[in-house]
Amino acid sequence: MVDEISNDNDLRRDITTHRPDPHGQAAMLLVESLIHGLIARSVITVQDAVDIIETAAEVKEEIAIELGDSPATMQKSLAILQAILASLSFDLPDGTA
């Protein structure tokens, strides 16, 4: 039996289920790891990373309506960004973003 392979373009996905999105989880882990790696190698500063994440949150809020996001979906996205921001904020000199 051959397993069916799908991607995010597969319209047959059941978007009504509330299971975690493995693609999104992997992408967020990869991005957060990349940010920490860039900081560790002094490619960017912690403040640069904080600024990037704050900008991403602002953009998410601005385009959420255009994307058709519900308020709950937008808040989930912002919560993920806030969690990354909080983890980086510990490394700021004053401890706040």
PDB file of N, CA and C in Angstrom:
ATOM      1  N   MET A   1       0.845  -1.176   0.000  1.00  0.00           N
ATOM      2  CA  MET A   1       0.000   0.000   0.000  1.00  0.00           C
ATOM      3  C   MET A   1       0.893   1.243   0.000  1.00  0.00           C
ATOM      4  N   VAL A   2       0.603   2.171  -0.838  1.00  0.00           N
ATOM      5  CA  VAL A   2       1.383   3.394  -0.953  1.00  0.00           C
ATOM      6  C   VAL A   2       0.733   4.481  -0.103  1.00  0.00           C
ATOM      7  N   ASP A   3       1.537   5.111   0.753  1.00  0.00           N
ATOM      8  CA  ASP A   3       1.011   6.212   1.561  1.00  0.00           C
ATOM      9  C   ASP A   3       0.763   7.417   0.683  1.00  0.00           C
ATOM     10  N   GLU A   4      -0.318   8.104   0.944  1.00  0.00           N
ATOM     11  CA  GLU A   4      -0.649   9.302   0.193  1.00  0.00           C
ATOM     12  C   GLU A   4       0.182  10.471   0.717  1.00  0.00           C
ATOM     13  N   ILE A   5       0.830  11.180  -0.178  1.00  0.00           N
ATOM     14  CA  ILE A   5       1.649  12.336   0.184  1.00  0.00           C
ATOM     15  C   ILE A   5       0.874  13.587  -0.169  1.00  0.00           C
ATOM     16  N   SER A   6       0.889  14.550   0.744  1.00  0.00           N
ATOM     17  CA  SER A   6       0.196  15.802   0.466  1.00  0.00           C
ATOM     18  C   SER A   6       1.082  16.957   0.885  1.00  0.00           C
ATOM     19  N   ASN A   7       0.690  18.143   0.470  1.00  0.00           N
ATOM     20  CA  ASN A   7       1.383  19.355   0.891  1.00  0.00           C
ATOM     21  C   ASN A   7       0.342  20.413   1.190  1.00  0.00           C
ATOM     22  N   ASP A   8       0.781  21.612   1.512  1.00  0.00           N
ATOM     23  CA  ASP A   8      -0.156  22.667   1.881  1.00  0.00           C
ATOM     24  C   ASP A   8      -1.057  23.103   0.734  1.00  0.00           C
ATOM     25  N   ASN A   9      -0.752  22.693  -0.484  1.00  0.00           N
ATOM     26  CA  ASN A   9      -1.577  23.056  -1.629  1.00  0.00           C
ATOM     27  C   ASN A   9      -2.685  22.036  -1.873  1.00  0.00           C
ATOM     28  N   ASP A  10      -2.704  20.985  -1.081  1.00  0.00           N
ATOM     29  CA  ASP A  10      -3.696  19.932  -1.228  1.00  0.00           C
ATOM     30  C   ASP A  10      -5.022  20.416  -0.657  1.00  0.00           C
ATOM     31  N   LEU A  11      -5.967  20.705  -1.520  1.00  0.00           N
ATOM     32  CA  LEU A  11      -7.246  21.252  -1.105  1.00  0.00           C
ATOM     33  C   LEU A  11      -8.138  20.226  -0.417  1.00  0.00           C
ATOM     34  N   ARG A  12      -7.738  18.986  -0.431  1.00  0.00           N
ATOM     35  CA  ARG A  12      -8.550  17.959   0.200  1.00  0.00           C
ATOM     36  C   ARG A  12      -8.338  17.910   1.706  1.00  0.00           C
ATOM     37  N   ARG A  13      -7.426  18.699   2.226  1.00  0.00           N
ATOM     38  CA  ARG A  13      -7.205  18.710   3.668  1.00  0.00           C
ATOM     39  C   ARG A  13      -8.482  19.100   4.383  1.00  0.00           C
ATOM     40  N   ASP A  14      -8.699  18.504   5.508  1.00  0.00           N
ATOM     41  CA  ASP A  14      -9.859  18.837   6.320  1.00  0.00           C
ATOM     42  C   ASP A  14      -9.479  19.968   7.258  1.00  0.00           C
ATOM     43  N   ILE A  15      -9.826  21.188   6.887  1.00  0.00           N
ATOM     44  CA  ILE A  15      -9.417  22.347   7.678  1.00  0.00           C
ATOM     45  C   ILE A  15     -10.296  22.543   8.902  1.00  0.00           C
ATOM     46  N   THR A  16     -11.301  21.706   9.070  1.00  0.00           N
ATOM     47  CA  THR A  16     -12.171  21.850  10.236  1.00  0.00           C
ATOM     48  C   THR A  16     -11.620  21.107  11.448  1.00  0.00           C
ATOM     49  N   THR A  17     -10.630  20.235  11.250  1.00  0.00           N
ATOM     50  CA  THR A  17     -10.039  19.543  12.392  1.00  0.00           C
ATOM     51  C   THR A  17      -9.111  20.498  13.126  1.00  0.00           C
ATOM     52  N   HIS A  18      -8.881  20.213  14.377  1.00  0.00           N
ATOM     53  CA  HIS A  18      -8.050  21.093  15.195  1.00  0.00           C
ATOM     54  C   HIS A  18      -6.773  20.402  15.622  1.00  0.00           C
ATOM     55  N   ARG A  19      -6.244  19.596  14.740  1.00  0.00           N
ATOM     56  CA  ARG A  19      -4.988  18.922  15.024  1.00  0.00           C
ATOM     57  C   ARG A  19      -3.834  19.887  14.778  1.00  0.00           C
ATOM     58  N   PRO A  20      -2.729  19.708  15.498  1.00  0.00           N
ATOM     59  CA  PRO A  20      -1.560  20.558  15.247  1.00  0.00           C
ATOM     60  C   PRO A  20      -1.087  20.403  13.806  1.00  0.00           C
ATOM     61  N   ASP A  21      -0.612  21.478  13.256  1.00  0.00           N
ATOM     62  CA  ASP A  21      -0.120  21.487  11.878  1.00  0.00           C
ATOM     63  C   ASP A  21       1.367  21.136  11.883  1.00  0.00           C
ATOM     64  N   PRO A  22       1.731  19.931  11.424  1.00  0.00           N
ATOM     65  CA  PRO A  22       3.144  19.540  11.471  1.00  0.00           C
ATOM     66  C   PRO A  22       4.030  20.422  10.604  1.00  0.00           C
ATOM     67  N   HIS A  23       3.502  20.913   9.484  1.00  0.00           N
ATOM     68  CA  HIS A  23       4.295  21.805   8.635  1.00  0.00           C
ATOM     69  C   HIS A  23       4.605  23.106   9.373  1.00  0.00           C
ATOM     70  N   GLY A  24       3.583  23.668   9.994  1.00  0.00           N
ATOM     71  CA  GLY A  24       3.768  24.916  10.730  1.00  0.00           C
ATOM     72  C   GLY A  24       4.685  24.746  11.927  1.00  0.00           C
ATOM     73  N   GLN A  25       4.529  23.633  12.642  1.00  0.00           N
ATOM     74  CA  GLN A  25       5.390  23.383  13.799  1.00  0.00           C
ATOM     75  C   GLN A  25       6.844  23.260  13.374  1.00  0.00           C
ATOM     76  N   ALA A  26       7.091  22.510  12.311  1.00  0.00           N
ATOM     77  CA  ALA A  26       8.463  22.348  11.818  1.00  0.00           C
ATOM     78  C   ALA A  26       9.029  23.684  11.342  1.00  0.00           C
ATOM     79  N   ALA A  27       8.208  24.471  10.656  1.00  0.00           N
ATOM     80  CA  ALA A  27       8.664  25.769  10.161  1.00  0.00           C
ATOM     81  C   ALA A  27       9.013  26.708  11.310  1.00  0.00           C
ATOM     82  N   MET A  28       8.173  26.737  12.339  1.00  0.00           N
ATOM     83  CA  MET A  28       8.447  27.619  13.475  1.00  0.00           C
ATOM     84  C   MET A  28       9.704  27.179  14.224  1.00  0.00           C
ATOM     85  N   LEU A  29       9.881  25.880  14.404  1.00  0.00           N
ATOM     86  CA  LEU A  29      11.078  25.377  15.068  1.00  0.00           C
ATOM     87  C   LEU A  29      12.323  25.734  14.267  1.00  0.00           C
ATOM     88  N   LEU A  30      12.239  25.574  12.961  1.00  0.00           N
ATOM     89  CA  LEU A  30      13.362  25.905  12.093  1.00  0.00           C
ATOM     90  C   LEU A  30      13.694  27.392  12.163  1.00  0.00           C
ATOM     91  N   VAL A  31      12.694  28.244  12.086  1.00  0.00           N
ATOM     92  CA  VAL A  31      12.918  29.690  12.124  1.00  0.00           C
ATOM     93  C   VAL A  31      13.496  30.118  13.469  1.00  0.00           C
ATOM     94  N   GLU A  32      12.923  29.600  14.554  1.00  0.00           N
ATOM     95  CA  GLU A  32      13.439  29.983  15.874  1.00  0.00           C
ATOM     96  C   GLU A  32      14.881  29.505  16.043  1.00  0.00           C
ATOM     97  N   SER A  33      15.179  28.293  15.578  1.00  0.00           N
ATOM     98  CA  SER A  33      16.545  27.782  15.651  1.00  0.00           C
ATOM     99  C   SER A  33      17.494  28.630  14.818  1.00  0.00           C
ATOM    100  N   LEU A  34      17.027  29.044  13.641  1.00  0.00           N
ATOM    101  CA  LEU A  34      17.832  29.898  12.774  1.00  0.00           C
ATOM    102  C   LEU A  34      18.141  31.230  13.447  1.00  0.00           C
ATOM    103  N   ILE A  35      17.140  31.823  14.061  1.00  0.00           N
ATOM    104  CA  ILE A  35      17.336  33.098  14.756  1.00  0.00           C
ATOM    105  C   ILE A  35      18.379  32.938  15.868  1.00  0.00           C
ATOM    106  N   HIS A  36      18.226  31.894  16.672  1.00  0.00           N
ATOM    107  CA  HIS A  36      19.183  31.671  17.758  1.00  0.00           C
ATOM    108  C   HIS A  36      20.587  31.398  17.208  1.00  0.00           C
ATOM    109  N   GLY A  37      20.668  30.673  16.098  1.00  0.00           N
ATOM    110  CA  GLY A  37      21.963  30.405  15.469  1.00  0.00           C
ATOM    111  C   GLY A  37      22.622  31.677  14.950  1.00  0.00           C
ATOM    112  N   LEU A  38      21.837  32.557  14.354  1.00  0.00           N
ATOM    113  CA  LEU A  38      22.381  33.824  13.853  1.00  0.00           C
ATOM    114  C   LEU A  38      22.891  34.692  15.001  1.00  0.00           C
ATOM    115  N   ILE A  39      22.160  34.671  16.105  1.00  0.00           N
ATOM    116  CA  ILE A  39      22.598  35.428  17.281  1.00  0.00           C
ATOM    117  C   ILE A  39      23.886  34.825  17.834  1.00  0.00           C
ATOM    118  N   ALA A  40      23.937  33.503  17.958  1.00  0.00           N
ATOM    119  CA  ALA A  40      25.113  32.825  18.509  1.00  0.00           C
ATOM    120  C   ALA A  40      26.360  33.094  17.670  1.00  0.00           C
ATOM    121  N   ARG A  41      26.181  33.274  16.375  1.00  0.00           N
ATOM    122  CA  ARG A  41      27.310  33.533  15.478  1.00  0.00           C
ATOM    123  C   ARG A  41      27.564  35.027  15.280  1.00  0.00           C
ATOM    124  N   SER A  42      26.856  35.844  16.029  1.00  0.00           N
ATOM    125  CA  SER A  42      26.987  37.305  15.984  1.00  0.00           C
ATOM    126  C   SER A  42      26.681  37.886  14.603  1.00  0.00           C
ATOM    127  N   VAL A  43      25.806  37.206  13.856  1.00  0.00           N
ATOM    128  CA  VAL A  43      25.364  37.731  12.565  1.00  0.00           C
ATOM    129  C   VAL A  43      24.337  38.837  12.794  1.00  0.00           C
ATOM    130  N   ILE A  44      23.463  38.616  13.778  1.00  0.00           N
ATOM    131  CA  ILE A  44      22.514  39.637  14.197  1.00  0.00           C
ATOM    132  C   ILE A  44      22.571  39.728  15.720  1.00  0.00           C
ATOM    133  N   THR A  45      22.119  40.844  16.244  1.00  0.00           N
ATOM    134  CA  THR A  45      22.055  40.995  17.694  1.00  0.00           C
ATOM    135  C   THR A  45      20.704  40.502  18.198  1.00  0.00           C
ATOM    136  N   VAL A  46      20.615  40.333  19.500  1.00  0.00           N
ATOM    137  CA  VAL A  46      19.327  39.957  20.092  1.00  0.00           C
ATOM    138  C   VAL A  46      18.304  41.048  19.791  1.00  0.00           C
ATOM    139  N   GLN A  47      18.724  42.314  19.886  1.00  0.00           N
ATOM    140  CA  GLN A  47      17.794  43.407  19.604  1.00  0.00           C
ATOM    141  C   GLN A  47      17.318  43.366  18.150  1.00  0.00           C
ATOM    142  N   ASP A  48      18.221  43.015  17.210  1.00  0.00           N
ATOM    143  CA  ASP A  48      17.815  42.860  15.807  1.00  0.00           C
ATOM    144  C   ASP A  48      16.728  41.789  15.693  1.00  0.00           C
ATOM    145  N   ALA A  49      16.927  40.657  16.365  1.00  0.00           N
ATOM    146  CA  ALA A  49      15.955  39.565  16.313  1.00  0.00           C
ATOM    147  C   ALA A  49      14.621  39.992  16.909  1.00  0.00           C
ATOM    148  N   VAL A  50      14.671  40.704  18.023  1.00  0.00           N
ATOM    149  CA  VAL A  50      13.448  41.205  18.654  1.00  0.00           C
ATOM    150  C   VAL A  50      12.715  42.144  17.699  1.00  0.00           C
ATOM    151  N   ASP A  51      13.455  43.029  17.058  1.00  0.00           N
ATOM    152  CA  ASP A  51      12.844  43.957  16.099  1.00  0.00           C
ATOM    153  C   ASP A  51      12.181  43.213  14.942  1.00  0.00           C
ATOM    154  N   ILE A  52      12.843  42.167  14.451  1.00  0.00           N
ATOM    155  CA  ILE A  52      12.293  41.371  13.348  1.00  0.00           C
ATOM    156  C   ILE A  52      10.986  40.707  13.767  1.00  0.00           C
ATOM    157  N   ILE A  53      10.957  40.149  14.959  1.00  0.00           N
ATOM    158  CA  ILE A  53       9.750  39.468  15.433  1.00  0.00           C
ATOM    159  C   ILE A  53       8.632  40.466  15.691  1.00  0.00           C
ATOM    160  N   GLU A  54       8.962  41.619  16.248  1.00  0.00           N
ATOM    161  CA  GLU A  54       7.945  42.648  16.465  1.00  0.00           C
ATOM    162  C   GLU A  54       7.364  43.121  15.134  1.00  0.00           C
ATOM    163  N   THR A  55       8.201  43.242  14.122  1.00  0.00           N
ATOM    164  CA  THR A  55       7.721  43.629  12.792  1.00  0.00           C
ATOM    165  C   THR A  55       6.803  42.547  12.224  1.00  0.00           C
ATOM    166  N   ALA A  56       7.180  41.288  12.401  1.00  0.00           N
ATOM    167  CA  ALA A  56       6.340  40.180  11.918  1.00  0.00           C
ATOM    168  C   ALA A  56       4.964  40.222  12.582  1.00  0.00           C
ATOM    169  N   ALA A  57       4.929  40.517  13.872  1.00  0.00           N
ATOM    170  CA  ALA A  57       3.645  40.597  14.582  1.00  0.00           C
ATOM    171  C   ALA A  57       2.812  41.760  14.055  1.00  0.00           C
ATOM    172  N   GLU A  58       3.446  42.885  13.799  1.00  0.00           N
ATOM    173  CA  GLU A  58       2.722  44.036  13.260  1.00  0.00           C
ATOM    174  C   GLU A  58       2.145  43.726  11.883  1.00  0.00           C
ATOM    175  N   VAL A  59       2.944  43.068  11.054  1.00  0.00           N
ATOM    176  CA  VAL A  59       2.475  42.704   9.706  1.00  0.00           C
ATOM    177  C   VAL A  59       1.316  41.717   9.813  1.00  0.00           C
ATOM    178  N   LYS A  60       1.431  40.752  10.716  1.00  0.00           N
ATOM    179  CA  LYS A  60       0.358  39.767  10.889  1.00  0.00           C
ATOM    180  C   LYS A  60      -0.944  40.466  11.238  1.00  0.00           C
ATOM    181  N   GLU A  61      -0.886  41.420  12.148  1.00  0.00           N
ATOM    182  CA  GLU A  61      -2.094  42.151  12.527  1.00  0.00           C
ATOM    183  C   GLU A  61      -2.660  42.932  11.346  1.00  0.00           C
ATOM    184  N   GLU A  62      -1.791  43.515  10.527  1.00  0.00           N
ATOM    185  CA  GLU A  62      -2.241  44.327   9.394  1.00  0.00           C
ATOM    186  C   GLU A  62      -2.871  43.492   8.289  1.00  0.00           C
ATOM    187  N   ILE A  63      -2.345  42.286   8.061  1.00  0.00           N
ATOM    188  CA  ILE A  63      -2.843  41.492   6.932  1.00  0.00           C
ATOM    189  C   ILE A  63      -3.833  40.408   7.328  1.00  0.00           C
ATOM    190  N   ALA A  64      -4.096  40.254   8.617  1.00  0.00           N
ATOM    191  CA  ALA A  64      -4.986  39.176   9.066  1.00  0.00           C
ATOM    192  C   ALA A  64      -6.349  39.234   8.396  1.00  0.00           C
ATOM    193  N   ILE A  65      -6.912  40.415   8.310  1.00  0.00           N
ATOM    194  CA  ILE A  65      -8.236  40.552   7.699  1.00  0.00           C
ATOM    195  C   ILE A  65      -8.180  40.199   6.217  1.00  0.00           C
ATOM    196  N   GLU A  66      -7.130  40.687   5.534  1.00  0.00           N
ATOM    197  CA  GLU A  66      -6.983  40.392   4.105  1.00  0.00           C
ATOM    198  C   GLU A  66      -6.851  38.894   3.860  1.00  0.00           C
ATOM    199  N   LEU A  67      -6.217  38.182   4.808  1.00  0.00           N
ATOM    200  CA  LEU A  67      -6.031  36.737   4.666  1.00  0.00           C
ATOM    201  C   LEU A  67      -7.267  35.948   5.053  1.00  0.00           C
ATOM    202  N   GLY A  68      -8.257  36.639   5.621  1.00  0.00           N
ATOM    203  CA  GLY A  68      -9.474  35.971   6.047  1.00  0.00           C
ATOM    204  C   GLY A  68      -9.334  35.260   7.380  1.00  0.00           C
ATOM    205  N   ASP A  69      -8.319  35.663   8.164  1.00  0.00           N
ATOM    206  CA  ASP A  69      -8.122  35.050   9.482  1.00  0.00           C
ATOM    207  C   ASP A  69      -9.235  35.458  10.431  1.00  0.00           C
ATOM    208  N   SER A  70      -9.649  34.527  11.235  1.00  0.00           N
ATOM    209  CA  SER A  70     -10.571  34.858  12.319  1.00  0.00           C
ATOM    210  C   SER A  70      -9.749  35.527  13.416  1.00  0.00           C
ATOM    211  N   PRO A  71     -10.410  36.240  14.321  1.00  0.00           N
ATOM    212  CA  PRO A  71      -9.669  36.827  15.439  1.00  0.00           C
ATOM    213  C   PRO A  71      -8.911  35.760  16.245  1.00  0.00           C
ATOM    214  N   ALA A  72      -9.498  34.587  16.392  1.00  0.00           N
ATOM    215  CA  ALA A  72      -8.845  33.514  17.149  1.00  0.00           C
ATOM    216  C   ALA A  72      -7.571  33.042  16.442  1.00  0.00           C
ATOM    217  N   THR A  73      -7.627  32.910  15.129  1.00  0.00           N
ATOM    218  CA  THR A  73      -6.459  32.486  14.362  1.00  0.00           C
ATOM    219  C   THR A  73      -5.355  33.526  14.466  1.00  0.00           C
ATOM    220  N   MET A  74      -5.721  34.802  14.333  1.00  0.00           N
ATOM    221  CA  MET A  74      -4.728  35.857  14.450  1.00  0.00           C
ATOM    222  C   MET A  74      -4.084  35.827  15.834  1.00  0.00           C
ATOM    223  N   GLN A  75      -4.881  35.632  16.876  1.00  0.00           N
ATOM    224  CA  GLN A  75      -4.340  35.610  18.237  1.00  0.00           C
ATOM    225  C   GLN A  75      -3.404  34.423  18.449  1.00  0.00           C
ATOM    226  N   LYS A  76      -3.714  33.283  17.846  1.00  0.00           N
ATOM    227  CA  LYS A  76      -2.819  32.119  17.954  1.00  0.00           C
ATOM    228  C   LYS A  76      -1.480  32.426  17.298  1.00  0.00           C
ATOM    229  N   SER A  77      -1.523  33.062  16.133  1.00  0.00           N
ATOM    230  CA  SER A  77      -0.280  33.425  15.449  1.00  0.00           C
ATOM    231  C   SER A  77       0.525  34.412  16.278  1.00  0.00           C
ATOM    232  N   LEU A  78      -0.147  35.403  16.816  1.00  0.00           N
ATOM    233  CA  LEU A  78       0.536  36.409  17.631  1.00  0.00           C
ATOM    234  C   LEU A  78       1.095  35.784  18.906  1.00  0.00           C
ATOM    235  N   ALA A  79       0.406  34.805  19.472  1.00  0.00           N
ATOM    236  CA  ALA A  79       0.895  34.138  20.682  1.00  0.00           C
ATOM    237  C   ALA A  79       2.194  33.385  20.414  1.00  0.00           C
ATOM    238  N   ILE A  80       2.287  32.763  19.250  1.00  0.00           N
ATOM    239  CA  ILE A  80       3.520  32.053  18.883  1.00  0.00           C
ATOM    240  C   ILE A  80       4.664  33.048  18.760  1.00  0.00           C
ATOM    241  N   LEU A  81       4.423  34.158  18.062  1.00  0.00           N
ATOM    242  CA  LEU A  81       5.461  35.179  17.927  1.00  0.00           C
ATOM    243  C   LEU A  81       5.837  35.761  19.281  1.00  0.00           C
ATOM    244  N   GLN A  82       4.851  35.955  20.147  1.00  0.00           N
ATOM    245  CA  GLN A  82       5.109  36.499  21.487  1.00  0.00           C
ATOM    246  C   GLN A  82       5.964  35.536  22.309  1.00  0.00           C
ATOM    247  N   ALA A  83       5.732  34.244  22.166  1.00  0.00           N
ATOM    248  CA  ALA A  83       6.528  33.258  22.898  1.00  0.00           C
ATOM    249  C   ALA A  83       7.993  33.303  22.456  1.00  0.00           C
ATOM    250  N   ILE A  84       8.226  33.439  21.156  1.00  0.00           N
ATOM    251  CA  ILE A  84       9.603  33.555  20.662  1.00  0.00           C
ATOM    252  C   ILE A  84      10.223  34.856  21.166  1.00  0.00           C
ATOM    253  N   LEU A  85       9.459  35.911  21.114  1.00  0.00           N
ATOM    254  CA  LEU A  85       9.928  37.206  21.605  1.00  0.00           C
ATOM    255  C   LEU A  85      10.306  37.122  23.081  1.00  0.00           C
ATOM    256  N   ALA A  86       9.482  36.466  23.860  1.00  0.00           N
ATOM    257  CA  ALA A  86       9.762  36.325  25.295  1.00  0.00           C
ATOM    258  C   ALA A  86      11.043  35.530  25.529  1.00  0.00           C
ATOM    259  N   SER A  87      11.257  34.475  24.747  1.00  0.00           N
ATOM    260  CA  SER A  87      12.468  33.671  24.932  1.00  0.00           C
ATOM    261  C   SER A  87      13.718  34.471  24.594  1.00  0.00           C
ATOM    262  N   LEU A  88      13.622  35.357  23.617  1.00  0.00           N
ATOM    263  CA  LEU A  88      14.768  36.189  23.251  1.00  0.00           C
ATOM    264  C   LEU A  88      14.979  37.335  24.235  1.00  0.00           C
ATOM    265  N   SER A  89      13.902  37.809  24.811  1.00  0.00           N
ATOM    266  CA  SER A  89      13.982  38.967  25.705  1.00  0.00           C
ATOM    267  C   SER A  89      14.848  38.698  26.930  1.00  0.00           C
ATOM    268  N   PHE A  90      14.946  37.436  27.333  1.00  0.00           N
ATOM    269  CA  PHE A  90      15.812  37.096  28.467  1.00  0.00           C
ATOM    270  C   PHE A  90      17.272  37.450  28.180  1.00  0.00           C
ATOM    271  N   ASP A  91      17.632  37.471  26.886  1.00  0.00           N
ATOM    272  CA  ASP A  91      19.016  37.742  26.502  1.00  0.00           C
ATOM    273  C   ASP A  91      19.301  39.223  26.260  1.00  0.00           C
ATOM    274  N   LEU A  92      18.275  40.055  26.333  1.00  0.00           N
ATOM    275  CA  LEU A  92      18.498  41.499  26.196  1.00  0.00           C
ATOM    276  C   LEU A  92      19.163  42.033  27.462  1.00  0.00           C
ATOM    277  N   PRO A  93      19.983  43.070  27.328  1.00  0.00           N
ATOM    278  CA  PRO A  93      20.688  43.597  28.498  1.00  0.00           C
ATOM    279  C   PRO A  93      19.754  43.959  29.663  1.00  0.00           C
ATOM    280  N   ASP A  94      18.599  44.547  29.363  1.00  0.00           N
ATOM    281  CA  ASP A  94      17.675  44.934  30.445  1.00  0.00           C
ATOM    282  C   ASP A  94      16.583  43.890  30.670  1.00  0.00           C
ATOM    283  N   GLY A  95      16.577  42.809  29.867  1.00  0.00           N
ATOM    284  CA  GLY A  95      15.621  41.721  30.063  1.00  0.00           C
ATOM    285  C   GLY A  95      14.226  41.976  29.544  1.00  0.00           C
ATOM    286  N   THR A  96      14.012  43.079  28.812  1.00  0.00           N
ATOM    287  CA  THR A  96      12.688  43.365  28.260  1.00  0.00           C
ATOM    288  C   THR A  96      12.796  43.706  26.784  1.00  0.00           C
ATOM    289  N   ALA A  97      11.727  43.400  26.073  1.00  0.00           N
ATOM    290  CA  ALA A  97      11.675  43.727  24.638  1.00  0.00           C
ATOM    291  C   ALA A  97      11.018  45.074  24.455  1.00  0.00           C
TER     292      ALA A  97
END
